[in-house]
Amino acid sequence: MTQENFQGNPNQATESQVKEIVLHLQQQDIFVVNSRRRNGLIIYKRYHAEFAGPGAVVGSLFDLKATHVVPVGDLSLLVPETLKEREKAYLLRRQWVRLIQQITDNPDATQRAKLILNQFENWFDAQTAAQLPDEAFALLVGVFPRTIHQVRSHDHRLL
């Protein structure tokens, strides 16, 4: 895979980098989130968001209607060169969707907020999770941003 970096300080992507990534997604370009780094991409759609973690494909028909993105960690996107690399990345994207879906299946909004925050702290670290906007988490699990804010205000590590 060839590397296409959208780097800078982790979680400090510039507005032009974000716009560039969204443009690539809307043009159906295909990338894979670098599986050798703790990084990912929260992809905003019209009414929800999806998370593509390490190893997952971004772009193609999946993200044609992306409206915004939030890089997580030190984002590195790779261009898959073989069909096998693409297939593996599609499978990993599906796994990331399923992981978020398991959280979303919880009927209690506060519990969903706690679970998504805890997961991001485990997948990345507390500092990385703390830098991500409430809105991004809210769109991932179908709660109001205020719910995320309230959970963050309390010790959400205690479930």
Protein backbone atom coordinates (compact mmCIF):
# COMPACT_ATOMS: atom_id res chain seq x y z
CA MET A 1 0.00 0.00 0.00
CA THR A 2 1.19 3.48 -0.70
CA GLN A 3 0.85 6.07 2.00
CA GLU A 4 -1.28 9.21 1.88
CA ASN A 5 -0.69 11.09 5.11
CA PHE A 6 -2.94 13.68 6.59
CA GLN A 7 -0.62 14.40 9.46
CA GLY A 8 0.01 17.06 11.97
CA ASN A 9 -0.53 16.95 15.67
CA PRO A 10 -2.87 14.13 16.64
CA ASN A 11 -6.47 15.38 16.76
CA GLN A 12 -5.39 18.77 15.41
CA ALA A 13 -6.18 18.39 11.71
CA THR A 14 -6.44 21.67 9.90
CA GLU A 15 -9.67 22.73 8.26
CA SER A 16 -8.05 22.35 4.84
CA GLN A 17 -6.97 18.77 5.64
CA VAL A 18 -10.50 17.91 6.76
CA LYS A 19 -11.96 19.43 3.58
CA GLU A 20 -9.42 17.53 1.47
CA ILE A 21 -10.35 14.21 3.08
CA VAL A 22 -14.08 14.88 2.63
CA LEU A 23 -13.49 15.76 -1.03
CA HIS A 24 -11.59 12.49 -1.57
CA LEU A 25 -14.43 10.55 0.06
CA GLN A 26 -17.08 12.29 -2.04
CA GLN A 27 -15.08 11.47 -5.17
CA GLN A 28 -15.17 7.78 -4.20
CA ASP A 29 -11.40 7.56 -3.72
CA ILE A 30 -10.43 4.52 -1.67
CA PHE A 31 -8.11 4.56 1.32
CA VAL A 32 -7.34 2.25 4.21
CA VAL A 33 -6.76 3.54 7.73
CA ASN A 34 -3.20 2.53 8.62
CA SER A 35 -3.44 -0.59 10.78
CA ARG A 36 0.00 0.00 12.30
CA ARG A 37 -1.07 3.13 14.12
CA ARG A 38 -3.66 4.02 16.72
CA ASN A 39 -5.73 6.16 14.42
CA GLY A 40 -9.09 6.32 12.74
CA LEU A 41 -11.66 8.52 11.12
CA ILE A 42 -15.10 9.54 12.33
CA ILE A 43 -17.13 10.14 9.19
CA TYR A 44 -20.17 12.39 9.48
CA LYS A 45 -23.13 11.60 7.28
CA ARG A 46 -26.38 13.57 7.16
CA TYR A 47 -27.99 12.13 10.30
CA HIS A 48 -25.31 9.93 11.86
CA ALA A 49 -21.60 9.21 11.93
CA GLU A 50 -19.52 6.10 11.34
CA PHE A 51 -16.12 5.16 12.69
CA ALA A 52 -13.43 3.60 10.54
CA GLY A 53 -10.66 2.30 12.77
CA PRO A 54 -7.26 0.80 11.98
CA GLY A 55 -7.32 -1.40 8.88
CA ALA A 56 -10.75 -0.24 7.69
CA VAL A 57 -11.55 1.04 4.22
CA VAL A 58 -12.75 4.61 3.80
CA GLY A 59 -14.19 6.06 0.65
CA SER A 60 -15.74 4.19 -2.26
CA LEU A 61 -19.52 3.93 -2.10
CA PHE A 62 -19.40 3.71 1.71
CA ASP A 63 -18.67 7.37 2.23
CA LEU A 64 -20.01 9.07 -0.87
CA LYS A 65 -22.34 11.20 1.26
CA ALA A 66 -19.75 12.23 3.84
CA THR A 67 -20.26 15.79 5.05
CA HIS A 68 -17.41 16.12 7.55
CA VAL A 69 -14.67 14.04 9.15
CA VAL A 70 -12.90 14.04 12.49
CA PRO A 71 -9.46 12.40 12.43
CA VAL A 72 -8.69 10.36 15.54
CA GLY A 73 -5.10 10.02 16.67
CA ASP A 74 -2.26 10.52 14.21
CA LEU A 75 -4.25 9.77 11.07
CA SER A 76 -2.52 7.94 8.27
CA LEU A 77 -4.43 6.81 5.20
CA LEU A 78 -3.00 4.28 2.77
CA VAL A 79 -3.97 3.54 -0.81
CA PRO A 80 -4.68 -0.18 -1.26
CA GLU A 81 -2.84 -1.59 -4.25
CA THR A 82 -4.28 -5.09 -4.50
CA LEU A 83 -7.73 -6.64 -4.47
CA LYS A 84 -6.74 -8.65 -1.40
CA GLU A 85 -5.85 -5.47 0.51
CA ARG A 86 -9.22 -3.96 -0.42
CA GLU A 87 -11.16 -7.06 0.59
CA LYS A 88 -9.45 -7.19 3.98
CA ALA A 89 -10.14 -3.48 4.52
CA TYR A 90 -13.83 -3.92 3.64
CA LEU A 91 -14.11 -6.74 6.18
CA LEU A 92 -12.46 -4.60 8.85
CA ARG A 93 -14.79 -1.69 8.12
CA ARG A 94 -17.72 -4.04 8.63
CA GLN A 95 -16.24 -5.15 11.97
CA TRP A 96 -15.89 -1.55 13.14
CA VAL A 97 -19.51 -0.88 12.15
CA ARG A 98 -20.61 -3.95 14.11
CA LEU A 99 -18.69 -2.86 17.21
CA ILE A 100 -20.40 0.53 17.19
CA GLN A 101 -23.75 -1.14 16.44
CA GLN A 102 -23.40 -3.26 19.60
CA ILE A 103 -23.12 -0.05 21.62
CA THR A 104 -26.01 1.56 19.75
CA ASP A 105 -28.23 -1.45 20.47
CA ASN A 106 -28.31 -0.47 24.16
CA PRO A 107 -31.71 1.21 24.74
CA ASP A 108 -30.39 3.59 27.43
CA ALA A 109 -28.87 6.80 26.01
CA THR A 110 -26.66 7.42 29.04
CA GLN A 111 -25.29 3.89 28.86
CA ARG A 112 -24.56 4.32 25.13
CA ALA A 113 -22.67 7.52 25.92
CA LYS A 114 -20.66 5.80 28.67
CA LEU A 115 -19.89 2.81 26.49
CA ILE A 116 -18.66 4.80 23.47
CA LEU A 117 -16.46 7.01 25.65
CA ASN A 118 -14.99 3.99 27.42
CA GLN A 119 -14.37 2.21 24.13
CA PHE A 120 -12.50 5.16 22.65
CA GLU A 121 -10.41 5.46 25.81
CA ASN A 122 -9.54 1.76 25.47
CA TRP A 123 -8.90 1.85 21.72
CA PHE A 124 -6.81 5.01 21.95
CA ASP A 125 -6.23 6.76 25.28
CA ALA A 126 -8.08 9.13 27.60
CA GLN A 127 -6.35 12.22 26.21
CA THR A 128 -7.24 11.37 22.60
CA ALA A 129 -10.86 10.63 23.53
CA ALA A 130 -11.10 13.87 25.53
CA GLN A 131 -10.07 15.92 22.49
CA LEU A 132 -12.87 14.58 20.30
CA PRO A 133 -16.06 16.65 20.10
CA ASP A 134 -19.24 15.64 21.93
CA GLU A 135 -21.09 15.86 18.62
CA ALA A 136 -18.92 13.15 17.05
CA PHE A 137 -19.65 10.65 19.81
CA ALA A 138 -23.32 11.62 19.83
CA LEU A 139 -23.68 10.97 16.10
CA LEU A 140 -21.92 7.61 16.44
CA VAL A 141 -24.37 6.19 19.01
CA GLY A 142 -27.56 8.18 18.50
CA VAL A 143 -27.66 10.43 21.54
CA PHE A 144 -27.74 14.18 22.01
CA PRO A 145 -24.36 15.92 22.34
CA ARG A 146 -25.56 17.15 25.74
CA THR A 147 -25.77 13.53 26.92
CA ILE A 148 -22.11 12.99 26.00
CA HIS A 149 -21.19 16.23 27.77
CA GLN A 150 -23.07 15.20 30.93
CA VAL A 151 -21.40 11.79 31.01
CA ARG A 152 -18.00 13.38 30.47
CA SER A 153 -18.71 15.75 33.37
CA HIS A 154 -19.09 12.75 35.67
CA ASP A 155 -16.71 9.87 36.13
CA HIS A 156 -17.84 7.85 33.10
CA ARG A 157 -15.26 5.14 33.70
CA LEU A 158 -17.52 3.61 36.34
CA LEU A 159 -20.19 1.59 34.61
